[in-house]
PDB file of all heavy atoms in Angstrom:
ATOM      1  N   HIS A   1      76.906  18.146  89.393  1.00  0.00           N
ATOM      2  CA  HIS A   1      77.014  18.660  90.754  1.00  0.00           C
ATOM      3  C   HIS A   1      76.032  17.890  91.641  1.00  0.00           C
ATOM      4  O   HIS A   1      74.840  17.797  91.301  1.00  0.00           O
ATOM      5  CB  HIS A   1      76.675  20.152  90.750  1.00  0.00           C
ATOM      6  CG  HIS A   1      76.990  20.864  92.018  1.00  0.00           C
ATOM      7  ND1 HIS A   1      76.252  20.688  93.175  1.00  0.00           N
ATOM      8  CD2 HIS A   1      77.961  21.760  92.329  1.00  0.00           C
ATOM      9  CE1 HIS A   1      76.753  21.448  94.132  1.00  0.00           C
ATOM     10  NE2 HIS A   1      77.797  22.107  93.640  1.00  0.00           N
ATOM     11  N   PRO A   2      76.488  17.352  92.777  1.00  0.00           N
ATOM     12  CA  PRO A   2      75.601  16.537  93.620  1.00  0.00           C
ATOM     13  C   PRO A   2      74.318  17.244  94.057  1.00  0.00           C
ATOM     14  O   PRO A   2      73.241  16.630  94.063  1.00  0.00           O
ATOM     15  CB  PRO A   2      76.489  16.193  94.823  1.00  0.00           C
ATOM     16  CG  PRO A   2      77.872  16.206  94.272  1.00  0.00           C
ATOM     17  CD  PRO A   2      77.889  17.310  93.260  1.00  0.00           C
ATOM     18  N   ASP A   3      74.385  18.532  94.413  1.00  0.00           N
ATOM     19  CA  ASP A   3      73.169  19.233  94.859  1.00  0.00           C
ATOM     20  C   ASP A   3      72.180  19.425  93.709  1.00  0.00           C
ATOM     21  O   ASP A   3      70.961  19.444  93.917  1.00  0.00           O
ATOM     22  CB  ASP A   3      73.518  20.602  95.468  1.00  0.00           C
ATOM     23  CG  ASP A   3      74.270  20.471  96.785  1.00  0.00           C
ATOM     24  OD1 ASP A   3      74.134  19.411  97.438  1.00  0.00           O
ATOM     25  OD2 ASP A   3      74.992  21.416  97.167  1.00  0.00           O
ATOM     26  N   VAL A   4      72.715  19.592  92.500  1.00  0.00           N
ATOM     27  CA  VAL A   4      71.855  19.717  91.320  1.00  0.00           C
ATOM     28  C   VAL A   4      71.174  18.374  91.038  1.00  0.00           C
ATOM     29  O   VAL A   4      69.963  18.302  90.816  1.00  0.00           O
ATOM     30  CB  VAL A   4      72.670  20.201  90.099  1.00  0.00           C
ATOM     31  CG1 VAL A   4      71.837  20.134  88.820  1.00  0.00           C
ATOM     32  CG2 VAL A   4      73.172  21.631  90.321  1.00  0.00           C
ATOM     33  N   ILE A   5      71.949  17.294  91.089  1.00  0.00           N
ATOM     34  CA  ILE A   5      71.401  15.946  90.878  1.00  0.00           C
ATOM     35  C   ILE A   5      70.247  15.672  91.847  1.00  0.00           C
ATOM     36  O   ILE A   5      69.181  15.199  91.448  1.00  0.00           O
ATOM     37  CB  ILE A   5      72.510  14.876  91.076  1.00  0.00           C
ATOM     38  CG1 ILE A   5      73.546  14.952  89.946  1.00  0.00           C
ATOM     39  CG2 ILE A   5      71.900  13.459  91.148  1.00  0.00           C
ATOM     40  CD1 ILE A   5      74.779  14.070  90.154  1.00  0.00           C
ATOM     41  N   CYS A   6      70.459  16.009  93.119  1.00  0.00           N
ATOM     42  CA  CYS A   6      69.436  15.711  94.133  1.00  0.00           C
ATOM     43  C   CYS A   6      68.178  16.534  93.920  1.00  0.00           C
ATOM     44  O   CYS A   6      67.061  16.028  94.087  1.00  0.00           O
ATOM     45  CB  CYS A   6      69.997  15.934  95.533  1.00  0.00           C
ATOM     46  SG  CYS A   6      71.285  14.743  95.922  1.00  0.00           S
ATOM     47  N   GLY A   7      68.342  17.794  93.528  1.00  0.00           N
ATOM     48  CA  GLY A   7      67.170  18.619  93.230  1.00  0.00           C
ATOM     49  C   GLY A   7      66.385  18.042  92.069  1.00  0.00           C
ATOM     50  O   GLY A   7      65.150  17.921  92.126  1.00  0.00           O
ATOM     51  N   GLN A   8      67.086  17.627  91.008  1.00  0.00           N
ATOM     52  CA  GLN A   8      66.400  17.081  89.834  1.00  0.00           C
ATOM     53  C   GLN A   8      65.697  15.768  90.171  1.00  0.00           C
ATOM     54  O   GLN A   8      64.655  15.439  89.593  1.00  0.00           O
ATOM     55  CB  GLN A   8      67.353  16.852  88.642  1.00  0.00           C
ATOM     56  CG  GLN A   8      68.376  17.909  88.310  1.00  0.00           C
ATOM     57  CD  GLN A   8      67.923  19.345  88.183  1.00  0.00           C
ATOM     58  OE1 GLN A   8      66.920  19.752  88.768  1.00  0.00           O
ATOM     59  NE2 GLN A   8      68.681  20.142  87.429  1.00  0.00           N
ATOM     60  N   GLY A   9      66.253  15.031  91.102  1.00  0.00           N
ATOM     61  CA  GLY A   9      65.652  13.746  91.480  1.00  0.00           C
ATOM     62  C   GLY A   9      64.278  13.874  92.109  1.00  0.00           C
ATOM     63  O   GLY A   9      63.506  12.912  92.158  1.00  0.00           O
ATOM     64  N   THR A  10      63.932  15.090  92.549  1.00  0.00           N
ATOM     65  CA  THR A  10      62.620  15.284  93.168  1.00  0.00           C
ATOM     66  C   THR A  10      61.489  15.161  92.141  1.00  0.00           C
ATOM     67  O   THR A  10      60.340  14.931  92.512  1.00  0.00           O
ATOM     68  CB  THR A  10      62.522  16.659  93.882  1.00  0.00           C
ATOM     69  OG1 THR A  10      62.689  17.721  92.930  1.00  0.00           O
ATOM     70  CG2 THR A  10      63.575  16.783  94.977  1.00  0.00           C
ATOM     71  N   VAL A  11      61.802  15.288  90.850  1.00  0.00           N
ATOM     72  CA  VAL A  11      60.798  15.084  89.795  1.00  0.00           C
ATOM     73  C   VAL A  11      60.251  13.658  89.906  1.00  0.00           C
ATOM     74  O   VAL A  11      59.036  13.437  90.007  1.00  0.00           O
ATOM     75  CB  VAL A  11      61.409  15.281  88.381  1.00  0.00           C
ATOM     76  CG1 VAL A  11      60.374  14.971  87.302  1.00  0.00           C
ATOM     77  CG2 VAL A  11      61.953  16.685  88.200  1.00  0.00           C
ATOM     78  N   ALA A  12      61.154  12.682  89.886  1.00  0.00           N
ATOM     79  CA  ALA A  12      60.743  11.273  89.947  1.00  0.00           C
ATOM     80  C   ALA A  12      60.177  10.928  91.321  1.00  0.00           C
ATOM     81  O   ALA A  12      59.228  10.145  91.429  1.00  0.00           O
ATOM     82  CB  ALA A  12      61.931  10.372  89.612  1.00  0.00           C
ATOM     83  N   LEU A  13      60.735  11.528  92.370  1.00  0.00           N
ATOM     84  CA  LEU A  13      60.228  11.297  93.729  1.00  0.00           C
ATOM     85  C   LEU A  13      58.724  11.613  93.785  1.00  0.00           C
ATOM     86  O   LEU A  13      57.915  10.809  94.260  1.00  0.00           O
ATOM     87  CB  LEU A  13      60.983  12.184  94.718  1.00  0.00           C
ATOM     88  CG  LEU A  13      60.533  12.120  96.184  1.00  0.00           C
ATOM     89  CD1 LEU A  13      61.154  10.922  96.874  1.00  0.00           C
ATOM     90  CD2 LEU A  13      60.906  13.384  96.932  1.00  0.00           C
ATOM     91  N   GLU A  14      58.348  12.782  93.271  1.00  0.00           N
ATOM     92  CA  GLU A  14      56.933  13.178  93.265  1.00  0.00           C
ATOM     93  C   GLU A  14      56.094  12.236  92.413  1.00  0.00           C
ATOM     94  O   GLU A  14      54.965  11.884  92.779  1.00  0.00           O
ATOM     95  CB  GLU A  14      56.784  14.603  92.718  1.00  0.00           C
ATOM     96  CG  GLU A  14      57.335  15.674  93.636  1.00  0.00           C
ATOM     97  CD  GLU A  14      57.301  17.066  93.005  1.00  0.00           C
ATOM     98  OE1 GLU A  14      56.758  17.226  91.894  1.00  0.00           O
ATOM     99  OE2 GLU A  14      57.843  17.991  93.639  1.00  0.00           O
ATOM    100  N   LEU A  15      56.641  11.826  91.280  1.00  0.00           N
ATOM    101  CA  LEU A  15      55.912  10.918  90.392  1.00  0.00           C
ATOM    102  C   LEU A  15      55.589   9.605  91.107  1.00  0.00           C
ATOM    103  O   LEU A  15      54.444   9.138  91.092  1.00  0.00           O
ATOM    104  CB  LEU A  15      56.732  10.660  89.124  1.00  0.00           C
ATOM    105  CG  LEU A  15      56.171   9.650  88.113  1.00  0.00           C
ATOM    106  CD1 LEU A  15      54.803  10.082  87.594  1.00  0.00           C
ATOM    107  CD2 LEU A  15      57.135   9.463  86.944  1.00  0.00           C
ATOM    108  N   PHE A  16      56.594   9.015  91.759  1.00  0.00           N
ATOM    109  CA  PHE A  16      56.366   7.755  92.500  1.00  0.00           C
ATOM    110  C   PHE A  16      55.381   7.969  93.651  1.00  0.00           C
ATOM    111  O   PHE A  16      54.531   7.123  93.910  1.00  0.00           O
ATOM    112  CB  PHE A  16      57.682   7.186  93.036  1.00  0.00           C
ATOM    113  CG  PHE A  16      58.583   6.614  91.974  1.00  0.00           C
ATOM    114  CD1 PHE A  16      59.849   7.143  91.755  1.00  0.00           C
ATOM    115  CD2 PHE A  16      58.177   5.551  91.188  1.00  0.00           C
ATOM    116  CE1 PHE A  16      60.689   6.625  90.775  1.00  0.00           C
ATOM    117  CE2 PHE A  16      59.001   5.013  90.195  1.00  0.00           C
ATOM    118  CZ  PHE A  16      60.263   5.555  89.990  1.00  0.00           C
ATOM    119  N   GLU A  17      55.500   9.101  94.345  1.00  0.00           N
ATOM    120  CA  GLU A  17      54.573   9.388  95.450  1.00  0.00           C
ATOM    121  C   GLU A  17      53.141   9.483  94.929  1.00  0.00           C
ATOM    122  O   GLU A  17      52.199   9.052  95.592  1.00  0.00           O
ATOM    123  CB  GLU A  17      54.956  10.704  96.145  1.00  0.00           C
ATOM    124  CG  GLU A  17      56.173  10.577  97.034  1.00  0.00           C
ATOM    125  CD  GLU A  17      56.640  11.908  97.635  1.00  0.00           C
ATOM    126  OE1 GLU A  17      56.114  12.978  97.234  1.00  0.00           O
ATOM    127  OE2 GLU A  17      57.529  11.869  98.493  1.00  0.00           O
ATOM    128  N   ASP A  18      52.975  10.038  93.723  1.00  0.00           N
ATOM    129  CA  ASP A  18      51.625  10.245  93.181  1.00  0.00           C
ATOM    130  C   ASP A  18      51.019   9.003  92.538  1.00  0.00           C
ATOM    131  O   ASP A  18      49.805   8.806  92.612  1.00  0.00           O
ATOM    132  CB  ASP A  18      51.636  11.384  92.147  1.00  0.00           C
ATOM    133  CG  ASP A  18      51.786  12.753  92.795  1.00  0.00           C
ATOM    134  OD1 ASP A  18      51.726  12.832  94.037  1.00  0.00           O
ATOM    135  OD2 ASP A  18      51.973  13.747  92.062  1.00  0.00           O
ATOM    136  N   VAL A  19      51.829   8.183  91.878  1.00  0.00           N
ATOM    137  CA  VAL A  19      51.242   7.048  91.138  1.00  0.00           C
ATOM    138  C   VAL A  19      51.682   5.674  91.629  1.00  0.00           C
ATOM    139  O   VAL A  19      51.206   4.658  91.125  1.00  0.00           O
ATOM    140  CB  VAL A  19      51.508   7.160  89.606  1.00  0.00           C
ATOM    141  CG1 VAL A  19      51.039   8.505  89.073  1.00  0.00           C
ATOM    142  CG2 VAL A  19      52.979   6.936  89.269  1.00  0.00           C
ATOM    143  N   GLY A  20      52.571   5.629  92.603  1.00  0.00           N
ATOM    144  CA  GLY A  20      53.018   4.326  93.112  1.00  0.00           C
ATOM    145  C   GLY A  20      54.151   3.741  92.285  1.00  0.00           C
ATOM    146  O   GLY A  20      54.757   4.432  91.460  1.00  0.00           O
ATOM    147  N   GLU A  21      54.403   2.462  92.486  1.00  0.00           N
ATOM    148  CA  GLU A  21      55.548   1.827  91.816  1.00  0.00           C
ATOM    149  C   GLU A  21      55.319   1.714  90.309  1.00  0.00           C
ATOM    150  O   GLU A  21      54.183   1.634  89.844  1.00  0.00           O
ATOM    151  CB  GLU A  21      55.807   0.452  92.432  1.00  0.00           C
ATOM    152  CG  GLU A  21      56.267   0.549  93.879  1.00  0.00           C
ATOM    153  CD  GLU A  21      56.980  -0.702  94.369  1.00  0.00           C
ATOM    154  OE1 GLU A  21      57.452  -1.493  93.534  1.00  0.00           O
ATOM    155  OE2 GLU A  21      57.056  -0.867  95.599  1.00  0.00           O
ATOM    156  N   LEU A  22      56.419   1.732  89.571  1.00  0.00           N
ATOM    157  CA  LEU A  22      56.355   1.641  88.110  1.00  0.00           C
ATOM    158  C   LEU A  22      57.263   0.508  87.625  1.00  0.00           C
ATOM    159  O   LEU A  22      58.196   0.112  88.327  1.00  0.00           O
ATOM    160  CB  LEU A  22      56.824   2.963  87.481  1.00  0.00           C
ATOM    161  CG  LEU A  22      55.955   4.202  87.761  1.00  0.00           C
ATOM    162  CD1 LEU A  22      56.679   5.471  87.333  1.00  0.00           C
ATOM    163  CD2 LEU A  22      54.604   4.086  87.049  1.00  0.00           C
ATOM    164  N   ASP A  23      56.971   0.013  86.431  1.00  0.00           N
ATOM    165  CA  ASP A  23      57.842  -1.015  85.832  1.00  0.00           C
ATOM    166  C   ASP A  23      59.031  -0.370  85.124  1.00  0.00           C
ATOM    167  O   ASP A  23      60.141  -0.888  85.135  1.00  0.00           O
ATOM    168  CB  ASP A  23      57.055  -1.847  84.809  1.00  0.00           C
ATOM    169  CG  ASP A  23      55.858  -2.535  85.440  1.00  0.00           C
ATOM    170  OD1 ASP A  23      56.038  -3.154  86.509  1.00  0.00           O
ATOM    171  OD2 ASP A  23      54.743  -2.421  84.898  1.00  0.00           O
ATOM    172  N   VAL A  24      58.743   0.775  84.484  1.00  0.00           N
ATOM    173  CA  VAL A  24      59.765   1.469  83.688  1.00  0.00           C
ATOM    174  C   VAL A  24      59.645   2.972  83.944  1.00  0.00           C
ATOM    175  O   VAL A  24      58.538   3.496  84.082  1.00  0.00           O
ATOM    176  CB  VAL A  24      59.552   1.219  82.162  1.00  0.00           C
ATOM    177  CG1 VAL A  24      60.608   1.951  81.333  1.00  0.00           C
ATOM    178  CG2 VAL A  24      59.595  -0.273  81.844  1.00  0.00           C
ATOM    179  N   LEU A  25      60.793   3.646  84.006  1.00  0.00           N
ATOM    180  CA  LEU A  25      60.796   5.108  84.067  1.00  0.00           C
ATOM    181  C   LEU A  25      61.686   5.608  82.935  1.00  0.00           C
ATOM    182  O   LEU A  25      62.880   5.291  82.894  1.00  0.00           O
ATOM    183  CB  LEU A  25      61.325   5.599  85.423  1.00  0.00           C
ATOM    184  CG  LEU A  25      61.417   7.129  85.579  1.00  0.00           C
ATOM    185  CD1 LEU A  25      60.033   7.779  85.481  1.00  0.00           C
ATOM    186  CD2 LEU A  25      62.074   7.506  86.902  1.00  0.00           C
ATOM    187  N   LEU A  26      61.101   6.356  82.000  1.00  0.00           N
ATOM    188  CA  LEU A  26      61.849   6.902  80.864  1.00  0.00           C
ATOM    189  C   LEU A  26      62.208   8.349  81.159  1.00  0.00           C
ATOM    190  O   LEU A  26      61.343   9.152  81.510  1.00  0.00           O
ATOM    191  CB  LEU A  26      60.998   6.817  79.595  1.00  0.00           C
ATOM    192  CG  LEU A  26      60.675   5.390  79.118  1.00  0.00           C
ATOM    193  CD1 LEU A  26      59.542   5.406  78.097  1.00  0.00           C
ATOM    194  CD2 LEU A  26      61.913   4.725  78.522  1.00  0.00           C
ATOM    195  N   VAL A  27      63.500   8.666  81.008  1.00  0.00           N
ATOM    196  CA  VAL A  27      64.005   9.981  81.430  1.00  0.00           C
ATOM    197  C   VAL A  27      64.877  10.585  80.337  1.00  0.00           C
ATOM    198  O   VAL A  27      65.770   9.922  79.798  1.00  0.00           O
ATOM    199  CB  VAL A  27      64.865   9.850  82.717  1.00  0.00           C
ATOM    200  CG1 VAL A  27      65.234  11.225  83.258  1.00  0.00           C
ATOM    201  CG2 VAL A  27      64.154   9.031  83.789  1.00  0.00           C
ATOM    202  N   CYS A  28      64.624  11.872  80.009  1.00  0.00           N
ATOM    203  CA  CYS A  28      65.466  12.589  79.043  1.00  0.00           C
ATOM    204  C   CYS A  28      66.904  12.650  79.566  1.00  0.00           C
ATOM    205  O   CYS A  28      67.117  12.865  80.754  1.00  0.00           O
ATOM    206  CB  CYS A  28      64.973  14.029  78.874  1.00  0.00           C
ATOM    207  SG  CYS A  28      63.200  14.178  78.819  1.00  0.00           S
ATOM    208  N   LEU A  29      67.854  12.520  78.657  1.00  0.00           N
ATOM    209  CA  LEU A  29      69.268  12.576  79.043  1.00  0.00           C
ATOM    210  C   LEU A  29      70.015  13.615  78.212  1.00  0.00           C
ATOM    211  O   LEU A  29      70.082  13.529  76.985  1.00  0.00           O
ATOM    212  CB  LEU A  29      69.915  11.196  78.865  1.00  0.00           C
ATOM    213  CG  LEU A  29      71.442  11.126  78.996  1.00  0.00           C
ATOM    214  CD1 LEU A  29      71.918  11.622  80.355  1.00  0.00           C
ATOM    215  CD2 LEU A  29      71.938   9.704  78.759  1.00  0.00           C
ATOM    216  N   GLY A  30      70.559  14.623  78.909  1.00  0.00           N
ATOM    217  CA  GLY A  30      71.471  15.586  78.298  1.00  0.00           C
ATOM    218  C   GLY A  30      72.802  15.397  79.009  1.00  0.00           C
ATOM    219  O   GLY A  30      73.612  14.550  78.657  1.00  0.00           O
ATOM    220  N   GLY A  31      72.998  16.156  80.083  1.00  0.00           N
ATOM    221  CA  GLY A  31      74.218  15.999  80.874  1.00  0.00           C
ATOM    222  C   GLY A  31      74.102  14.935  81.951  1.00  0.00           C
ATOM    223  O   GLY A  31      75.103  14.470  82.493  1.00  0.00           O
ATOM    224  N   GLY A  32      72.861  14.570  82.289  1.00  0.00           N
ATOM    225  CA  GLY A  32      72.673  13.452  83.214  1.00  0.00           C
ATOM    226  C   GLY A  32      72.163  13.785  84.603  1.00  0.00           C
ATOM    227  O   GLY A  32      72.002  12.892  85.434  1.00  0.00           O
ATOM    228  N   GLY A  33      71.881  15.062  84.883  1.00  0.00           N
ATOM    229  CA  GLY A  33      71.396  15.416  86.221  1.00  0.00           C
ATOM    230  C   GLY A  33      70.037  14.825  86.525  1.00  0.00           C
ATOM    231  O   GLY A  33      69.813  14.235  87.585  1.00  0.00           O
TER     232      GLY A  33
END
């Protein structure tokens, strides 16, 4: 669901805001949100 995807994306958004750019981002994958 697009609204679910966008909400979940705030996890990485906060991470980048807090630590700056990264070379790699490792993310758990179940259904893909």
